[in-house]
Amino acid sequence: MGGGGPAAPPPPVPVPLCTVTDQRLEELSGLASDGDHLYAINDSDNGGIAIQVFGRDCEIQDTITAQVNPFDVEDLALAPDGRLWLADTGDNNRARETVALHVVSKDGDAQLFRLTYPDGKHDAEALLLDPQGIPYIVTKETLGSALVYRPTAPLVAGTTIPLEQVGKVSLAGTDTPGGPVKSPIVTRVVTGGAVSHDNKVIALRTYTDAYLYPVPDGDFVKALKSDPVRIPLPNEEQGEAIAFDPDGTLLSGSEFGKTTSSTITTVAGAAALATPPPPTTTPAPQPPAADTTSAAPATKTTTELWPAIGLGAAALVLVAAFIRRSRRKA
């Protein structure tokens, strides 16, 4: 008789929470939750910031506005102090000299922080905020690994801070259905990020799947080098939004795509699926904190080897599908 260990349990299935029909969220890109309310931003340039606040019935209850003209906001993170961090990091045309973070209070007060990459221009749709208030930006790469950056110094309004690359994330393609085009690339490009409220789990998502990384000792760089737990998020038209409830429930959302609505889904207890290892006695060193007061187990994290010509063509198709109108600079 054949041997072998017990079969791996099937991955959890996302459960619908509510349906988004409001056109103000037709390009839902960033999502956050405080347990009672959801906060979301649209991936669009309408000349200002508009953060939609809605209940678990997907009905918009309030809008937080700020007199800032962003270029291309792609993700959203909720800080422990209640402020919302917006990743103004989209750059489909690879044309921006700087990218930006907007830190917005619930009364609409906003601070703008500019950043520069050390190695050229990147498109990025994922923002992670660590316990010290240090932001991490994860790029969206159609070829090769996603790159992870963080500021080299505390953020100061009116000053452009250089970023440093501190890691890479390589995801293999999957057979999860969904995404804006039929291509293996849509199953491996990073379109959003989130951190659990206890800071023990990082989530990165693609158009079709979520990946959960346990965080050892609060070390985000080390966490993103580990093998994640994969949760399929099937049949999302253009899945870019991801968040955690305080209890560890994972939330996922999509742009409307070719339809007139999208569904917010949940995976209860998702954070517990990625259990961090026991803490070590020596915590990892951290760079200076941002000063915002002044102004199923995953597949191995190795990229699939596709023929160079076919991969290049697929990447061009994907990029062409998402080149939007030119956006104004923040």
C-alpha atoms as a PDB file:
ATOM      1  CA  MET A   1       0.000   0.000   0.000  1.00  0.00           C
ATOM      2  CA  GLY A   2       1.176   3.517  -0.765  1.00  0.00           C
ATOM      3  CA  GLY A   3       2.363   5.665   2.114  1.00  0.00           C
ATOM      4  CA  GLY A   4       2.254   9.391   2.617  1.00  0.00           C
ATOM      5  CA  GLY A   5       0.966  11.794   5.226  1.00  0.00           C
ATOM      6  CA  PRO A   6      -2.555  13.073   5.629  1.00  0.00           C
ATOM      7  CA  ALA A   7      -3.981  15.192   2.858  1.00  0.00           C
ATOM      8  CA  ALA A   8      -3.738  18.957   3.326  1.00  0.00           C
ATOM      9  CA  PRO A   9      -7.057  20.521   4.301  1.00  0.00           C
ATOM     10  CA  PRO A  10      -8.829  22.395   1.511  1.00  0.00           C
ATOM     11  CA  PRO A  11      -8.377  26.164   1.513  1.00  0.00           C
ATOM     12  CA  PRO A  12     -11.184  28.215   3.061  1.00  0.00           C
ATOM     13  CA  VAL A  13     -13.895  29.504   0.767  1.00  0.00           C
ATOM     14  CA  PRO A  14     -14.650  33.245   0.846  1.00  0.00           C
ATOM     15  CA  VAL A  15     -18.201  34.056   1.961  1.00  0.00           C
ATOM     16  CA  PRO A  16     -20.117  37.053   0.533  1.00  0.00           C
ATOM     17  CA  LEU A  17     -20.614  39.872   3.038  1.00  0.00           C
ATOM     18  CA  CYS A  18     -22.466  42.429   0.926  1.00  0.00           C
ATOM     19  CA  THR A  19     -22.747  43.807  -2.599  1.00  0.00           C
ATOM     20  CA  VAL A  20     -21.321  47.172  -3.632  1.00  0.00           C
ATOM     21  CA  THR A  21     -23.508  48.973  -6.162  1.00  0.00           C
ATOM     22  CA  ASP A  22     -22.654  52.617  -5.460  1.00  0.00           C
ATOM     23  CA  GLN A  23     -20.796  54.108  -8.431  1.00  0.00           C
ATOM     24  CA  ARG A  24     -18.534  55.993  -6.046  1.00  0.00           C
ATOM     25  CA  LEU A  25     -16.804  52.649  -5.494  1.00  0.00           C
ATOM     26  CA  GLU A  26     -16.861  51.254  -9.018  1.00  0.00           C
ATOM     27  CA  GLU A  27     -13.045  51.271  -9.001  1.00  0.00           C
ATOM     28  CA  LEU A  28     -12.654  49.968  -5.430  1.00  0.00           C
ATOM     29  CA  SER A  29      -8.928  49.630  -4.867  1.00  0.00           C
ATOM     30  CA  GLY A  30      -8.091  50.128  -1.177  1.00  0.00           C
ATOM     31  CA  LEU A  31      -9.946  48.775   1.851  1.00  0.00           C
ATOM     32  CA  ALA A  32      -9.601  48.952   5.653  1.00  0.00           C
ATOM     33  CA  SER A  33     -11.797  47.963   8.602  1.00  0.00           C
ATOM     34  CA  ASP A  34     -12.177  48.925  12.256  1.00  0.00           C
ATOM     35  CA  GLY A  35     -14.740  46.171  12.816  1.00  0.00           C
ATOM     36  CA  ASP A  36     -17.744  48.482  12.767  1.00  0.00           C
ATOM     37  CA  HIS A  37     -17.011  50.401   9.597  1.00  0.00           C
ATOM     38  CA  LEU A  38     -15.225  49.766   6.328  1.00  0.00           C
ATOM     39  CA  TYR A  39     -13.135  52.460   4.668  1.00  0.00           C
ATOM     40  CA  ALA A  40     -12.496  52.409   0.946  1.00  0.00           C
ATOM     41  CA  ILE A  41     -10.949  54.451  -1.815  1.00  0.00           C
ATOM     42  CA  ASN A  42     -11.622  54.471  -5.517  1.00  0.00           C
ATOM     43  CA  ASP A  43      -8.792  54.051  -7.991  1.00  0.00           C
ATOM     44  CA  SER A  44      -9.525  57.228  -9.915  1.00  0.00           C
ATOM     45  CA  ASP A  45      -8.401  60.824 -10.287  1.00  0.00           C
ATOM     46  CA  ASN A  46     -11.245  63.234  -9.678  1.00  0.00           C
ATOM     47  CA  GLY A  47      -9.164  66.089  -8.335  1.00  0.00           C
ATOM     48  CA  GLY A  48      -9.389  65.230  -4.630  1.00  0.00           C
ATOM     49  CA  ILE A  49      -9.388  62.563  -1.959  1.00  0.00           C
ATOM     50  CA  ALA A  50     -12.695  60.864  -1.125  1.00  0.00           C
ATOM     51  CA  ILE A  51     -12.608  58.018   1.403  1.00  0.00           C
ATOM     52  CA  GLN A  52     -15.963  56.242   1.577  1.00  0.00           C
ATOM     53  CA  VAL A  53     -17.145  55.005   4.964  1.00  0.00           C
ATOM     54  CA  PHE A  54     -19.733  52.235   4.856  1.00  0.00           C
ATOM     55  CA  GLY A  55     -21.310  49.549   6.975  1.00  0.00           C
ATOM     56  CA  ARG A  56     -21.299  45.811   6.585  1.00  0.00           C
ATOM     57  CA  ASP A  57     -24.305  46.165   4.298  1.00  0.00           C
ATOM     58  CA  CYS A  58     -22.113  48.039   1.767  1.00  0.00           C
ATOM     59  CA  GLU A  59     -24.236  51.190   2.087  1.00  0.00           C
ATOM     60  CA  ILE A  60     -22.102  54.343   2.169  1.00  0.00           C
ATOM     61  CA  GLN A  61     -22.676  56.281   5.398  1.00  0.00           C
ATOM     62  CA  ASP A  62     -20.138  59.073   5.133  1.00  0.00           C
ATOM     63  CA  THR A  63     -17.345  60.439   2.950  1.00  0.00           C
ATOM     64  CA  ILE A  64     -14.049  61.770   4.289  1.00  0.00           C
ATOM     65  CA  THR A  65     -12.679  64.383   1.912  1.00  0.00           C
ATOM     66  CA  ALA A  66      -9.349  66.190   1.830  1.00  0.00           C
ATOM     67  CA  GLN A  67      -8.226  69.107  -0.310  1.00  0.00           C
ATOM     68  CA  VAL A  68      -5.415  67.221  -1.966  1.00  0.00           C
ATOM     69  CA  ASN A  69      -5.067  66.439  -5.663  1.00  0.00           C
ATOM     70  CA  PRO A  70      -3.619  62.898  -5.829  1.00  0.00           C
ATOM     71  CA  PHE A  71      -2.023  61.344  -8.883  1.00  0.00           C
ATOM     72  CA  ASP A  72      -3.154  57.704  -8.542  1.00  0.00           C
ATOM     73  CA  VAL A  73      -4.176  56.363  -5.112  1.00  0.00           C
ATOM     74  CA  GLU A  74      -4.039  52.555  -5.060  1.00  0.00           C
ATOM     75  CA  ASP A  75      -4.207  51.299  -1.461  1.00  0.00           C
ATOM     76  CA  LEU A  76      -5.389  52.238   2.016  1.00  0.00           C
ATOM     77  CA  ALA A  77      -4.243  51.392   5.548  1.00  0.00           C
ATOM     78  CA  LEU A  78      -5.834  52.241   8.903  1.00  0.00           C
ATOM     79  CA  ALA A  79      -3.331  53.241  11.603  1.00  0.00           C
ATOM     80  CA  PRO A  80      -3.929  52.524  15.311  1.00  0.00           C
ATOM     81  CA  ASP A  81      -4.497  56.248  15.906  1.00  0.00           C
ATOM     82  CA  GLY A  82      -7.440  56.194  13.495  1.00  0.00           C
ATOM     83  CA  ARG A  83      -5.754  58.034  10.662  1.00  0.00           C
ATOM     84  CA  LEU A  84      -5.890  56.624   7.159  1.00  0.00           C
ATOM     85  CA  TRP A  85      -2.779  56.201   5.041  1.00  0.00           C
ATOM     86  CA  LEU A  86      -3.302  56.417   1.290  1.00  0.00           C
ATOM     87  CA  ALA A  87      -0.726  55.002  -1.103  1.00  0.00           C
ATOM     88  CA  ASP A  88      -0.537  57.455  -4.000  1.00  0.00           C
ATOM     89  CA  THR A  89       1.853  55.111  -5.766  1.00  0.00           C
ATOM     90  CA  GLY A  90       0.151  54.114  -9.016  1.00  0.00           C
ATOM     91  CA  ASP A  91       2.276  54.719 -12.107  1.00  0.00           C
ATOM     92  CA  ASN A  92       1.066  52.656 -15.065  1.00  0.00           C
ATOM     93  CA  ASN A  93       3.188  54.660 -17.502  1.00  0.00           C
ATOM     94  CA  ARG A  94       6.326  54.642 -15.295  1.00  0.00           C
ATOM     95  CA  ALA A  95       6.443  58.426 -15.577  1.00  0.00           C
ATOM     96  CA  ARG A  96       6.438  59.780 -12.024  1.00  0.00           C
ATOM     97  CA  GLU A  97       9.517  61.419 -10.550  1.00  0.00           C
ATOM     98  CA  THR A  98       8.104  60.933  -7.034  1.00  0.00           C
ATOM     99  CA  VAL A  99       5.332  58.926  -5.412  1.00  0.00           C
ATOM    100  CA  ALA A 100       3.393  60.005  -2.334  1.00  0.00           C
ATOM    101  CA  LEU A 101       1.669  58.972   0.864  1.00  0.00           C
ATOM    102  CA  HIS A 102      -1.295  60.938   2.205  1.00  0.00           C
ATOM    103  CA  VAL A 103      -2.111  60.623   5.900  1.00  0.00           C
ATOM    104  CA  VAL A 104      -5.721  61.692   6.431  1.00  0.00           C
ATOM    105  CA  SER A 105      -7.559  62.165   9.718  1.00  0.00           C
ATOM    106  CA  LYS A 106     -11.284  61.522   9.939  1.00  0.00           C
ATOM    107  CA  ASP A 107     -11.964  65.265  10.020  1.00  0.00           C
ATOM    108  CA  GLY A 108     -10.252  65.643   6.632  1.00  0.00           C
ATOM    109  CA  ASP A 109      -6.917  67.050   7.770  1.00  0.00           C
ATOM    110  CA  ALA A 110      -4.233  65.669   5.448  1.00  0.00           C
ATOM    111  CA  GLN A 111      -0.452  65.503   5.287  1.00  0.00           C
ATOM    112  CA  LEU A 112       1.502  64.767   2.122  1.00  0.00           C
ATOM    113  CA  PHE A 113       4.832  62.919   2.103  1.00  0.00           C
ATOM    114  CA  ARG A 114       6.845  62.438  -1.079  1.00  0.00           C
ATOM    115  CA  LEU A 115       9.137  59.488  -1.789  1.00  0.00           C
ATOM    116  CA  THR A 116      11.583  58.472  -4.501  1.00  0.00           C
ATOM    117  CA  TYR A 117      12.750  55.030  -5.594  1.00  0.00           C
ATOM    118  CA  PRO A 118      16.495  54.366  -5.691  1.00  0.00           C
ATOM    119  CA  ASP A 119      16.396  52.405  -8.945  1.00  0.00           C
ATOM    120  CA  GLY A 120      13.959  53.988 -11.361  1.00  0.00           C
ATOM    121  CA  LYS A 121      10.206  54.220 -11.621  1.00  0.00           C
ATOM    122  CA  HIS A 122       7.721  51.581 -10.454  1.00  0.00           C
ATOM    123  CA  ASP A 123       3.989  50.997 -10.415  1.00  0.00           C
ATOM    124  CA  ALA A 124       2.805  49.936  -6.952  1.00  0.00           C
ATOM    125  CA  GLU A 125      -0.602  49.033  -5.521  1.00  0.00           C
ATOM    126  CA  ALA A 126       0.163  47.615  -2.064  1.00  0.00           C
ATOM    127  CA  LEU A 127       0.851  49.459   1.203  1.00  0.00           C
ATOM    128  CA  LEU A 128       1.816  47.849   4.524  1.00  0.00           C
ATOM    129  CA  LEU A 129       2.070  49.820   7.772  1.00  0.00           C
ATOM    130  CA  ASP A 130       4.178  48.306  10.556  1.00  0.00           C
ATOM    131  CA  PRO A 131       3.700  48.782  14.340  1.00  0.00           C
ATOM    132  CA  GLN A 132       6.204  51.673  14.422  1.00  0.00           C
ATOM    133  CA  GLY A 133       4.321  53.550  11.698  1.00  0.00           C
ATOM    134  CA  ILE A 134       6.868  52.680   9.019  1.00  0.00           C
ATOM    135  CA  PRO A 135       5.254  52.273   5.576  1.00  0.00           C
ATOM    136  CA  TYR A 136       6.285  49.519   3.172  1.00  0.00           C
ATOM    137  CA  ILE A 137       5.440  49.742  -0.519  1.00  0.00           C
ATOM    138  CA  VAL A 138       5.196  46.571  -2.629  1.00  0.00           C
ATOM    139  CA  THR A 139       5.418  47.053  -6.383  1.00  0.00           C
ATOM    140  CA  LYS A 140       3.302  45.534  -9.130  1.00  0.00           C
ATOM    141  CA  GLU A 141       5.679  43.832 -11.536  1.00  0.00           C
ATOM    142  CA  THR A 142       4.408  42.043 -14.632  1.00  0.00           C
ATOM    143  CA  LEU A 143       7.857  40.509 -15.116  1.00  0.00           C
ATOM    144  CA  GLY A 144       9.915  39.149 -12.241  1.00  0.00           C
ATOM    145  CA  SER A 145       9.484  39.593  -8.513  1.00  0.00           C
ATOM    146  CA  ALA A 146       7.530  42.291  -6.705  1.00  0.00           C
ATOM    147  CA  LEU A 147       9.907  44.641  -4.909  1.00  0.00           C
ATOM    148  CA  VAL A 148       9.540  45.836  -1.319  1.00  0.00           C
ATOM    149  CA  TYR A 149      10.612  49.360  -0.310  1.00  0.00           C
ATOM    150  CA  ARG A 150      10.560  51.453   2.848  1.00  0.00           C
ATOM    151  CA  PRO A 151      11.738  55.030   3.634  1.00  0.00           C
ATOM    152  CA  THR A 152      15.336  55.549   4.651  1.00  0.00           C
ATOM    153  CA  ALA A 153      14.411  58.246   7.190  1.00  0.00           C
ATOM    154  CA  PRO A 154      11.375  59.569   9.074  1.00  0.00           C
ATOM    155  CA  LEU A 155       8.736  61.129   6.854  1.00  0.00           C
ATOM    156  CA  VAL A 156       8.642  64.927   6.918  1.00  0.00           C
ATOM    157  CA  ALA A 157       6.027  66.988   5.100  1.00  0.00           C
ATOM    158  CA  GLY A 158       7.591  69.171   2.413  1.00  0.00           C
ATOM    159  CA  THR A 159      10.634  66.912   2.089  1.00  0.00           C
ATOM    160  CA  THR A 160      11.210  64.112  -0.407  1.00  0.00           C
ATOM    161  CA  ILE A 161      12.558  61.006   1.333  1.00  0.00           C
ATOM    162  CA  PRO A 162      14.462  58.294  -0.571  1.00  0.00           C
ATOM    163  CA  LEU A 163      13.202  54.734  -0.398  1.00  0.00           C
ATOM    164  CA  GLU A 164      15.397  51.676  -0.032  1.00  0.00           C
ATOM    165  CA  GLN A 165      14.679  48.214  -1.376  1.00  0.00           C
ATOM    166  CA  VAL A 166      14.492  45.757   1.516  1.00  0.00           C
ATOM    167  CA  GLY A 167      13.044  42.661  -0.107  1.00  0.00           C
ATOM    168  CA  LYS A 168      11.437  40.812  -2.985  1.00  0.00           C
ATOM    169  CA  VAL A 169       8.289  38.713  -3.246  1.00  0.00           C
ATOM    170  CA  SER A 170       7.968  36.070  -5.950  1.00  0.00           C
ATOM    171  CA  LEU A 171       4.614  34.352  -6.440  1.00  0.00           C
ATOM    172  CA  ALA A 172       3.911  31.418  -8.712  1.00  0.00           C
ATOM    173  CA  GLY A 173       0.912  31.499 -11.016  1.00  0.00           C
ATOM    174  CA  THR A 174      -2.226  29.672  -9.930  1.00  0.00           C
ATOM    175  CA  ASP A 175      -5.310  28.231 -11.591  1.00  0.00           C
ATOM    176  CA  THR A 176      -7.719  30.405  -9.574  1.00  0.00           C
ATOM    177  CA  PRO A 177     -10.267  31.882 -12.014  1.00  0.00           C
ATOM    178  CA  GLY A 178     -10.811  35.616 -12.230  1.00  0.00           C
ATOM    179  CA  GLY A 179      -8.968  38.786 -13.078  1.00  0.00           C
ATOM    180  CA  PRO A 180      -9.347  41.367 -15.840  1.00  0.00           C
ATOM    181  CA  VAL A 181      -7.723  39.286 -18.579  1.00  0.00           C
ATOM    182  CA  LYS A 182      -7.045  35.597 -19.055  1.00  0.00           C
ATOM    183  CA  SER A 183      -3.334  35.334 -18.386  1.00  0.00           C
ATOM    184  CA  PRO A 184      -1.113  33.623 -15.810  1.00  0.00           C
ATOM    185  CA  ILE A 185       0.287  37.057 -14.999  1.00  0.00           C
ATOM    186  CA  VAL A 186      -2.901  38.273 -13.326  1.00  0.00           C
ATOM    187  CA  THR A 187      -2.583  35.457 -10.796  1.00  0.00           C
ATOM    188  CA  ARG A 188       0.846  36.625  -9.594  1.00  0.00           C
ATOM    189  CA  VAL A 189       1.056  40.442  -9.750  1.00  0.00           C
ATOM    190  CA  VAL A 190       0.549  42.162  -6.378  1.00  0.00           C
ATOM    191  CA  THR A 191      -2.537  44.403  -6.331  1.00  0.00           C
ATOM    192  CA  GLY A 192      -3.048  45.123  -2.619  1.00  0.00           C
ATOM    193  CA  GLY A 193      -1.798  44.620   0.905  1.00  0.00           C
ATOM    194  CA  ALA A 194      -2.942  44.626   4.536  1.00  0.00           C
ATOM    195  CA  VAL A 195      -1.660  43.949   8.061  1.00  0.00           C
ATOM    196  CA  SER A 196      -3.683  42.247  10.784  1.00  0.00           C
ATOM    197  CA  HIS A 197      -4.666  44.475  13.726  1.00  0.00           C
ATOM    198  CA  ASP A 198      -2.311  42.588  16.062  1.00  0.00           C
ATOM    199  CA  ASN A 199       0.518  43.027  13.511  1.00  0.00           C
ATOM    200  CA  LYS A 200       1.160  39.287  13.414  1.00  0.00           C
ATOM    201  CA  VAL A 201       0.137  38.605   9.822  1.00  0.00           C
ATOM    202  CA  ILE A 202       0.779  40.366   6.510  1.00  0.00           C
ATOM    203  CA  ALA A 203      -1.568  39.826   3.582  1.00  0.00           C
ATOM    204  CA  LEU A 204      -0.635  40.464  -0.039  1.00  0.00           C
ATOM    205  CA  ARG A 205      -3.086  39.807  -2.814  1.00  0.00           C
ATOM    206  CA  THR A 206      -3.133  39.342  -6.556  1.00  0.00           C
ATOM    207  CA  TYR A 207      -6.183  39.633  -8.783  1.00  0.00           C
ATOM    208  CA  THR A 208      -7.082  36.058  -7.845  1.00  0.00           C
ATOM    209  CA  ASP A 209      -5.469  34.992  -4.548  1.00  0.00           C
ATOM    210  CA  ALA A 210      -4.443  36.212  -1.098  1.00  0.00           C
ATOM    211  CA  TYR A 211      -1.137  35.263   0.552  1.00  0.00           C
ATOM    212  CA  LEU A 212      -0.740  35.360   4.327  1.00  0.00           C
ATOM    213  CA  TYR A 213       2.721  35.750   5.866  1.00  0.00           C
ATOM    214  CA  PRO A 214       3.362  35.235   9.599  1.00  0.00           C
ATOM    215  CA  VAL A 215       5.355  38.121  11.083  1.00  0.00           C
ATOM    216  CA  PRO A 216       8.154  37.004  13.443  1.00  0.00           C
ATOM    217  CA  ASP A 217       9.099  39.568  16.086  1.00  0.00           C
ATOM    218  CA  GLY A 218       7.459  42.375  14.130  1.00  0.00           C
ATOM    219  CA  ASP A 219       9.994  41.944  11.315  1.00  0.00           C
ATOM    220  CA  PHE A 220       8.185  42.615   8.031  1.00  0.00           C
ATOM    221  CA  VAL A 221      11.283  42.021   5.911  1.00  0.00           C
ATOM    222  CA  LYS A 222      11.824  38.566   7.393  1.00  0.00           C
ATOM    223  CA  ALA A 223       8.116  37.770   7.111  1.00  0.00           C
ATOM    224  CA  LEU A 224       8.021  38.410   3.375  1.00  0.00           C
ATOM    225  CA  LYS A 225      10.888  35.973   2.835  1.00  0.00           C
ATOM    226  CA  SER A 226       8.835  33.066   4.212  1.00  0.00           C
ATOM    227  CA  ASP A 227       6.446  30.734   2.408  1.00  0.00           C
ATOM    228  CA  PRO A 228       2.918  32.139   2.763  1.00  0.00           C
ATOM    229  CA  VAL A 229      -0.463  30.495   3.160  1.00  0.00           C
ATOM    230  CA  ARG A 230      -2.528  30.948  -0.003  1.00  0.00           C
ATOM    231  CA  ILE A 231      -6.260  31.658   0.048  1.00  0.00           C
ATOM    232  CA  PRO A 232      -7.963  31.622  -3.365  1.00  0.00           C
ATOM    233  CA  LEU A 233     -10.249  34.584  -4.082  1.00  0.00           C
ATOM    234  CA  PRO A 234     -11.970  33.262  -7.205  1.00  0.00           C
ATOM    235  CA  ASN A 235     -14.071  35.061  -9.778  1.00  0.00           C
ATOM    236  CA  GLU A 236     -13.291  38.650  -8.837  1.00  0.00           C
ATOM    237  CA  GLU A 237     -13.465  40.883 -11.909  1.00  0.00           C
ATOM    238  CA  GLN A 238     -10.502  43.008 -10.856  1.00  0.00           C
ATOM    239  CA  GLY A 239      -9.578  42.194  -7.269  1.00  0.00           C
ATOM    240  CA  GLU A 240      -7.381  44.874  -5.709  1.00  0.00           C
ATOM    241  CA  ALA A 241      -8.789  45.521  -2.217  1.00  0.00           C
ATOM    242  CA  ILE A 242      -7.896  43.532   0.906  1.00  0.00           C
ATOM    243  CA  ALA A 243      -8.144  44.179   4.653  1.00  0.00           C
ATOM    244  CA  PHE A 244      -8.387  42.543   8.075  1.00  0.00           C
ATOM    245  CA  ASP A 245     -11.125  42.950  10.653  1.00  0.00           C
ATOM    246  CA  PRO A 246      -9.838  43.272  14.241  1.00  0.00           C
ATOM    247  CA  ASP A 247     -10.767  39.620  14.876  1.00  0.00           C
ATOM    248  CA  GLY A 248      -8.572  38.346  12.027  1.00  0.00           C
ATOM    249  CA  THR A 249     -11.297  37.983   9.408  1.00  0.00           C
ATOM    250  CA  LEU A 250      -9.940  38.667   5.923  1.00  0.00           C
ATOM    251  CA  LEU A 251     -11.973  40.973   3.665  1.00  0.00           C
ATOM    252  CA  SER A 252     -11.621  41.173  -0.084  1.00  0.00           C
ATOM    253  CA  GLY A 253     -13.112  43.461  -2.720  1.00  0.00           C
ATOM    254  CA  SER A 254     -12.957  44.141  -6.434  1.00  0.00           C
ATOM    255  CA  GLU A 255     -13.518  46.897  -8.938  1.00  0.00           C
ATOM    256  CA  PHE A 256     -16.761  46.513 -10.893  1.00  0.00           C
ATOM    257  CA  GLY A 257     -14.874  45.618 -14.039  1.00  0.00           C
ATOM    258  CA  LYS A 258     -17.349  44.895 -16.832  1.00  0.00           C
ATOM    259  CA  THR A 259     -20.290  44.581 -14.434  1.00  0.00           C
ATOM    260  CA  THR A 260     -22.316  47.095 -12.399  1.00  0.00           C
ATOM    261  CA  SER A 261     -21.455  45.826  -8.915  1.00  0.00           C
ATOM    262  CA  SER A 262     -18.911  43.891  -6.888  1.00  0.00           C
ATOM    263  CA  THR A 263     -19.020  41.756  -3.760  1.00  0.00           C
ATOM    264  CA  ILE A 264     -17.127  42.182  -0.511  1.00  0.00           C
ATOM    265  CA  THR A 265     -16.200  38.704   0.719  1.00  0.00           C
ATOM    266  CA  THR A 266     -14.880  37.461   4.045  1.00  0.00           C
ATOM    267  CA  VAL A 267     -12.778  34.558   5.288  1.00  0.00           C
ATOM    268  CA  ALA A 268     -13.388  34.173   9.025  1.00  0.00           C
ATOM    269  CA  GLY A 269     -10.316  33.370  11.114  1.00  0.00           C
ATOM    270  CA  ALA A 270      -7.950  33.825   8.184  1.00  0.00           C
ATOM    271  CA  ALA A 271      -5.183  35.411  10.255  1.00  0.00           C
ATOM    272  CA  ALA A 272      -4.999  32.301  12.442  1.00  0.00           C
ATOM    273  CA  LEU A 273      -4.052  30.254   9.366  1.00  0.00           C
ATOM    274  CA  ALA A 274      -0.662  31.954   9.347  1.00  0.00           C
ATOM    275  CA  THR A 275       0.722  31.394  12.831  1.00  0.00           C
ATOM    276  CA  PRO A 276       3.905  33.351  13.610  1.00  0.00           C
ATOM    277  CA  PRO A 277       6.800  31.416  15.143  1.00  0.00           C
ATOM    278  CA  PRO A 278       7.608  32.009  18.825  1.00  0.00           C
ATOM    279  CA  PRO A 279       9.432  35.316  19.399  1.00  0.00           C
ATOM    280  CA  THR A 280      13.192  35.300  19.683  1.00  0.00           C
ATOM    281  CA  THR A 281      15.029  36.981  22.533  1.00  0.00           C
ATOM    282  CA  THR A 282      16.580  39.644  20.292  1.00  0.00           C
ATOM    283  CA  PRO A 283      14.121  41.746  18.265  1.00  0.00           C
ATOM    284  CA  ALA A 284      15.160  42.772  14.785  1.00  0.00           C
ATOM    285  CA  PRO A 285      16.433  46.377  14.462  1.00  0.00           C
ATOM    286  CA  GLN A 286      13.990  48.866  12.965  1.00  0.00           C
ATOM    287  CA  PRO A 287      14.611  52.066  10.998  1.00  0.00           C
ATOM    288  CA  PRO A 288      13.340  55.361  12.483  1.00  0.00           C
ATOM    289  CA  ALA A 289       9.573  55.629  12.826  1.00  0.00           C
ATOM    290  CA  ALA A 290       7.682  57.935  10.497  1.00  0.00           C
ATOM    291  CA  ASP A 291       7.216  61.409  12.005  1.00  0.00           C
ATOM    292  CA  THR A 292       3.686  62.212  10.829  1.00  0.00           C
ATOM    293  CA  THR A 293       3.127  64.897  13.422  1.00  0.00           C
ATOM    294  CA  SER A 294       5.358  67.368  11.650  1.00  0.00           C
ATOM    295  CA  ALA A 295       3.471  68.962   8.953  1.00  0.00           C
ATOM    296  CA  ALA A 296      -4.233  25.796   1.095  1.00  0.00           C
ATOM    297  CA  PRO A 297      -0.393  26.221   1.647  1.00  0.00           C
ATOM    298  CA  ALA A 298       0.957  28.467  -1.009  1.00  0.00           C
ATOM    299  CA  THR A 299       2.985  27.166  -3.876  1.00  0.00           C
ATOM    300  CA  LYS A 300       6.719  27.734  -3.502  1.00  0.00           C
ATOM    301  CA  THR A 301       7.618  31.379  -3.851  1.00  0.00           C
ATOM    302  CA  THR A 302       9.425  30.934  -7.104  1.00  0.00           C
ATOM    303  CA  THR A 303       8.377  32.487 -10.384  1.00  0.00           C
ATOM    304  CA  GLU A 304       7.070  30.158 -13.076  1.00  0.00           C
ATOM    305  CA  LEU A 305       9.406  29.714 -16.027  1.00  0.00           C
ATOM    306  CA  TRP A 306       7.476  30.716 -19.127  1.00  0.00           C
ATOM    307  CA  PRO A 307       9.050  31.116 -22.552  1.00  0.00           C
ATOM    308  CA  ALA A 308      10.541  34.586 -22.769  1.00  0.00           C
ATOM    309  CA  ILE A 309       8.638  35.622 -25.871  1.00  0.00           C
ATOM    310  CA  GLY A 310       5.270  34.409 -24.583  1.00  0.00           C
ATOM    311  CA  LEU A 311       5.786  36.018 -21.192  1.00  0.00           C
ATOM    312  CA  GLY A 312       6.813  39.323 -22.696  1.00  0.00           C
ATOM    313  CA  ALA A 313       3.751  39.358 -24.932  1.00  0.00           C
ATOM    314  CA  ALA A 314       1.449  38.527 -22.052  1.00  0.00           C
ATOM    315  CA  ALA A 315       2.981  41.294 -19.955  1.00  0.00           C
ATOM    316  CA  LEU A 316       2.415  43.817 -22.737  1.00  0.00           C
ATOM    317  CA  VAL A 317      -1.215  42.752 -23.038  1.00  0.00           C
ATOM    318  CA  LEU A 318      -1.719  43.149 -19.298  1.00  0.00           C
ATOM    319  CA  VAL A 319      -0.037  46.548 -19.182  1.00  0.00           C
ATOM    320  CA  ALA A 320      -2.041  47.774 -22.170  1.00  0.00           C
ATOM    321  CA  ALA A 321      -5.256  46.671 -20.509  1.00  0.00           C
ATOM    322  CA  PHE A 322      -4.607  48.949 -17.547  1.00  0.00           C
ATOM    323  CA  ILE A 323      -3.062  52.054 -18.984  1.00  0.00           C
ATOM    324  CA  ARG A 324      -5.531  54.670 -17.846  1.00  0.00           C
ATOM    325  CA  ARG A 325      -5.799  58.319 -18.796  1.00  0.00           C
ATOM    326  CA  SER A 326      -2.915  60.546 -17.713  1.00  0.00           C
ATOM    327  CA  ARG A 327      -3.220  61.545 -14.061  1.00  0.00           C
ATOM    328  CA  ARG A 328      -2.341  64.847 -12.461  1.00  0.00           C
ATOM    329  CA  LYS A 329       0.639  64.914 -10.171  1.00  0.00           C
ATOM    330  CA  ALA A 330      -0.070  65.159  -6.431  1.00  0.00           C
END
